[in-house]
Structures are given as C-alpha cells and as structure tokens.
Amino acid sequence: MNLFAEFVSWRKTLGPSPADI
C-alpha cells in the first residue's frame, strides 16, 4: 500500500488549487 501514490491520485481528482502555488 503506497499512501503517497494514493494521495497523489486523490489530489489529481481535485485538480489544481491556489494551495499548490
């Protein structure tokens, strides 16, 4: 189980946000 990969895929579903700057 790769939590980082799970987080990355989850973030991609949200799309970019101001917090990513």
PDB file of N, CA and C in Angstrom:
ATOM      1  N   MET A   1       0.846  -1.194   0.000  1.00  0.00           N
ATOM      2  CA  MET A   1       0.000   0.000   0.000  1.00  0.00           C
ATOM      3  C   MET A   1       0.885   1.248   0.000  1.00  0.00           C
ATOM      4  N   ASN A   2       0.743   2.044  -1.062  1.00  0.00           N
ATOM      5  CA  ASN A   2       1.574   3.240  -1.185  1.00  0.00           C
ATOM      6  C   ASN A   2       0.718   4.473  -0.898  1.00  0.00           C
ATOM      7  N   LEU A   3       0.819   4.978   0.316  1.00  0.00           N
ATOM      8  CA  LEU A   3      -0.016   6.120   0.710  1.00  0.00           C
ATOM      9  C   LEU A   3       0.286   7.351  -0.118  1.00  0.00           C
ATOM     10  N   PHE A   4       1.552   7.542  -0.482  1.00  0.00           N
ATOM     11  CA  PHE A   4       1.905   8.714  -1.283  1.00  0.00           C
ATOM     12  C   PHE A   4       1.243   8.655  -2.648  1.00  0.00           C
ATOM     13  N   ALA A   5       1.260   7.480  -3.266  1.00  0.00           N
ATOM     14  CA  ALA A   5       0.628   7.322  -4.582  1.00  0.00           C
ATOM     15  C   ALA A   5      -0.879   7.537  -4.464  1.00  0.00           C
ATOM     16  N   GLU A   6      -1.469   7.053  -3.377  1.00  0.00           N
ATOM     17  CA  GLU A   6      -2.897   7.236  -3.156  1.00  0.00           C
ATOM     18  C   GLU A   6      -3.214   8.718  -3.015  1.00  0.00           C
ATOM     19  N   PHE A   7      -2.362   9.450  -2.292  1.00  0.00           N
ATOM     20  CA  PHE A   7      -2.561  10.883  -2.098  1.00  0.00           C
ATOM     21  C   PHE A   7      -2.438  11.640  -3.407  1.00  0.00           C
ATOM     22  N   VAL A   8      -1.449  11.292  -4.205  1.00  0.00           N
ATOM     23  CA  VAL A   8      -1.241  11.962  -5.492  1.00  0.00           C
ATOM     24  C   VAL A   8      -2.444  11.758  -6.409  1.00  0.00           C
ATOM     25  N   SER A   9      -2.939  10.526  -6.473  1.00  0.00           N
ATOM     26  CA  SER A   9      -4.091  10.253  -7.336  1.00  0.00           C
ATOM     27  C   SER A   9      -5.329  10.977  -6.822  1.00  0.00           C
ATOM     28  N   TRP A  10      -5.437  11.074  -5.500  1.00  0.00           N
ATOM     29  CA  TRP A  10      -6.573  11.789  -4.901  1.00  0.00           C
ATOM     30  C   TRP A  10      -6.496  13.276  -5.212  1.00  0.00           C
ATOM     31  N   ARG A  11      -5.294  13.838  -5.137  1.00  0.00           N
ATOM     32  CA  ARG A  11      -5.107  15.264  -5.426  1.00  0.00           C
ATOM     33  C   ARG A  11      -5.447  15.557  -6.884  1.00  0.00           C
ATOM     34  N   LYS A  12      -5.096  14.641  -7.773  1.00  0.00           N
ATOM     35  CA  LYS A  12      -5.360  14.863  -9.200  1.00  0.00           C
ATOM     36  C   LYS A  12      -6.858  14.910  -9.482  1.00  0.00           C
ATOM     37  N   THR A  13      -7.651  14.232  -8.675  1.00  0.00           N
ATOM     38  CA  THR A  13      -9.093  14.256  -8.889  1.00  0.00           C
ATOM     39  C   THR A  13      -9.654  15.619  -8.506  1.00  0.00           C
ATOM     40  N   LEU A  14      -8.990  16.290  -7.576  1.00  0.00           N
ATOM     41  CA  LEU A  14      -9.422  17.622  -7.160  1.00  0.00           C
ATOM     42  C   LEU A  14      -9.034  18.674  -8.192  1.00  0.00           C
ATOM     43  N   GLY A  15      -7.926  18.437  -8.869  1.00  0.00           N
ATOM     44  CA  GLY A  15      -7.438  19.419  -9.825  1.00  0.00           C
ATOM     45  C   GLY A  15      -6.588  20.452  -9.097  1.00  0.00           C
ATOM     46  N   PRO A  16      -5.990  21.393  -9.831  1.00  0.00           N
ATOM     47  CA  PRO A  16      -5.126  22.406  -9.237  1.00  0.00           C
ATOM     48  C   PRO A  16      -5.903  23.348  -8.325  1.00  0.00           C
ATOM     49  N   SER A  17      -5.212  23.863  -7.322  1.00  0.00           N
ATOM     50  CA  SER A  17      -5.829  24.800  -6.382  1.00  0.00           C
ATOM     51  C   SER A  17      -4.801  25.844  -5.977  1.00  0.00           C
ATOM     52  N   PRO A  18      -5.225  26.996  -5.456  1.00  0.00           N
ATOM     53  CA  PRO A  18      -4.293  28.054  -5.030  1.00  0.00           C
ATOM     54  C   PRO A  18      -3.267  27.542  -4.021  1.00  0.00           C
ATOM     55  N   ALA A  19      -3.600  26.517  -3.272  1.00  0.00           N
ATOM     56  CA  ALA A  19      -2.685  25.978  -2.264  1.00  0.00           C
ATOM     57  C   ALA A  19      -1.473  25.312  -2.912  1.00  0.00           C
ATOM     58  N   ASP A  20      -1.569  24.991  -4.208  1.00  0.00           N
ATOM     59  CA  ASP A  20      -0.468  24.316  -4.897  1.00  0.00           C
ATOM     60  C   ASP A  20       0.655  25.279  -5.270  1.00  0.00           C
ATOM     61  N   ILE A  21       0.419  26.567  -5.162  1.00  0.00           N
ATOM     62  CA  ILE A  21       1.422  27.545  -5.559  1.00  0.00           C
ATOM     63  C   ILE A  21       2.594  27.504  -4.586  1.00  0.00           C
TER      64      ILE A  21
END
